[in-house]
Amino acid sequence: MPHVIIEHSADVAQEVDLAALCDAVFDALTAHPEVPDPAALKVRTIACAAHRGGTTPDSFAHATLLLLPGRDAETKADMTQTILDALAAILPRTGSLSVNLADLDPAYVKRAL
């Protein structure tokens, strides 16, 4: 934990290697003091084949950061800005970049080997 899910327009995959995109966000967050254990971080992408937005270019990448509850607003803002900075560095020509954060429900469960 945490998880980062990056939804993006299909053309983003033509602009950047998606593994490199995951690596950029992963590396940025593992440098953050709130992510002391890199093994707990998961980053993945989801391509959106169809979308409509108001920007020119019409491309987008939107990251959702999922965290266990307990962090203050300042820490959350710093973590989302860290992700936005990583996205902006690797996707300089993408029309819209955004990041949202959600606290997971206390009933969240997982299994790891």
Protein backbone atom coordinates (compact mmCIF):
# COMPACT_ATOMS: atom_id res chain seq x y z
CA MET A 1 0.00 0.00 0.00
CA PRO A 2 -0.31 2.68 -1.53
CA HIS A 3 -1.71 2.06 -4.99
CA VAL A 4 -1.52 4.47 -7.94
CA ILE A 5 -3.87 3.89 -10.87
CA ILE A 6 -3.10 6.01 -13.93
CA GLU A 7 -5.97 6.27 -16.40
CA HIS A 8 -4.86 7.75 -19.72
CA SER A 9 -5.95 8.39 -23.26
CA ALA A 10 -4.75 5.75 -25.69
CA ASP A 11 -2.40 8.21 -27.42
CA VAL A 12 -0.32 8.56 -24.25
CA ALA A 13 1.12 5.11 -25.02
CA GLN A 14 2.45 6.58 -28.28
CA GLU A 15 4.13 9.43 -26.40
CA VAL A 16 5.84 7.37 -23.70
CA ASP A 17 6.56 3.78 -22.79
CA LEU A 18 3.95 2.88 -20.18
CA ALA A 19 6.48 0.91 -18.11
CA ALA A 20 8.62 4.06 -17.99
CA LEU A 21 5.57 6.03 -16.87
CA CYS A 22 4.99 3.54 -14.04
CA ASP A 23 8.69 3.67 -13.15
CA ALA A 24 8.67 7.49 -13.01
CA VAL A 25 5.73 7.60 -10.60
CA PHE A 26 7.09 4.65 -8.58
CA ASP A 27 10.52 6.27 -8.22
CA ALA A 28 9.04 9.64 -7.25
CA LEU A 29 6.84 8.12 -4.55
CA THR A 30 9.46 5.78 -3.12
CA ALA A 31 11.58 8.89 -2.51
CA HIS A 32 8.72 10.34 -0.42
CA PRO A 33 9.00 9.83 3.36
CA GLU A 34 5.42 8.49 3.53
CA VAL A 35 6.43 5.48 1.40
CA PRO A 36 9.19 3.85 3.47
CA ASP A 37 8.69 0.38 1.95
CA PRO A 38 8.92 0.29 -1.88
CA ALA A 39 7.57 -3.29 -1.84
CA ALA A 40 4.23 -1.92 -0.64
CA LEU A 41 3.76 0.47 -3.59
CA LYS A 42 1.85 -0.61 -6.70
CA VAL A 43 1.57 1.52 -9.86
CA ARG A 44 -0.50 0.54 -12.89
CA THR A 45 -2.04 2.09 -15.99
CA ILE A 46 -5.43 1.78 -17.64
CA ALA A 47 -5.86 2.97 -21.23
CA CYS A 48 -9.14 4.62 -22.15
CA ALA A 49 -9.92 3.84 -25.78
CA ALA A 50 -12.70 6.42 -25.94
CA HIS A 51 -12.82 9.75 -24.18
CA ARG A 52 -13.75 13.38 -24.75
CA GLY A 53 -12.13 16.35 -23.07
CA GLY A 54 -11.96 20.07 -23.57
CA THR A 55 -8.20 20.52 -23.87
CA THR A 56 -6.06 20.83 -26.96
CA PRO A 57 -4.44 18.41 -27.33
CA ASP A 58 -7.24 16.15 -26.15
CA SER A 59 -4.86 13.72 -24.43
CA PHE A 60 -4.97 13.11 -20.68
CA ALA A 61 -3.48 11.21 -17.78
CA HIS A 62 -5.29 11.06 -14.45
CA ALA A 63 -3.73 9.35 -11.44
CA THR A 64 -5.66 8.15 -8.42
CA LEU A 65 -3.62 7.59 -5.26
CA LEU A 66 -5.21 5.09 -2.86
CA LEU A 67 -3.97 5.21 0.73
CA LEU A 68 -4.81 3.70 4.06
CA PRO A 69 -6.41 6.37 6.29
CA GLY A 70 -4.41 8.44 8.73
CA ARG A 71 -2.43 11.06 6.82
CA ASP A 72 -3.06 14.78 7.29
CA ALA A 73 -4.13 17.12 4.48
CA GLU A 74 -0.65 18.61 4.04
CA THR A 75 0.93 15.18 3.59
CA LYS A 76 -1.77 14.16 1.11
CA ALA A 77 -1.27 17.37 -0.88
CA ASP A 78 2.48 16.78 -0.96
CA MET A 79 2.04 13.21 -2.18
CA THR A 80 -0.38 14.20 -4.96
CA GLN A 81 1.95 17.02 -6.04
CA THR A 82 4.81 14.51 -6.16
CA ILE A 83 2.79 12.38 -8.56
CA LEU A 84 1.74 15.38 -10.67
CA ASP A 85 5.37 16.50 -10.96
CA ALA A 86 6.39 13.01 -12.11
CA LEU A 87 3.59 12.93 -14.69
CA ALA A 88 4.49 16.40 -15.97
CA ALA A 89 8.15 15.46 -16.35
CA ILE A 90 7.47 12.36 -18.45
CA LEU A 91 4.32 13.61 -20.27
CA PRO A 92 5.16 17.22 -21.21
CA ARG A 93 2.86 17.26 -24.26
CA THR A 94 -0.19 15.64 -22.68
CA GLY A 95 -3.15 18.02 -22.69
CA SER A 96 -4.48 17.39 -19.19
CA LEU A 97 -2.75 15.95 -16.13
CA SER A 98 -4.53 15.47 -12.81
CA VAL A 99 -4.21 13.57 -9.55
CA ASN A 100 -6.84 12.58 -7.00
CA LEU A 101 -6.42 10.86 -3.66
CA ALA A 102 -8.80 8.53 -1.85
CA ASP A 103 -8.52 6.96 1.57
CA LEU A 104 -9.31 3.26 1.52
CA ASP A 105 -12.09 1.96 3.68
CA PRO A 106 -10.88 0.44 6.96
CA ALA A 107 -12.38 -2.86 5.73
CA TYR A 108 -9.76 -3.02 2.93
CA VAL A 109 -8.10 -6.42 2.85
CA LYS A 110 -5.23 -7.86 0.85
CA ARG A 111 -3.24 -10.99 0.34
CA ALA A 112 0.45 -10.96 -0.53
CA LEU A 113 2.87 -13.82 -1.00
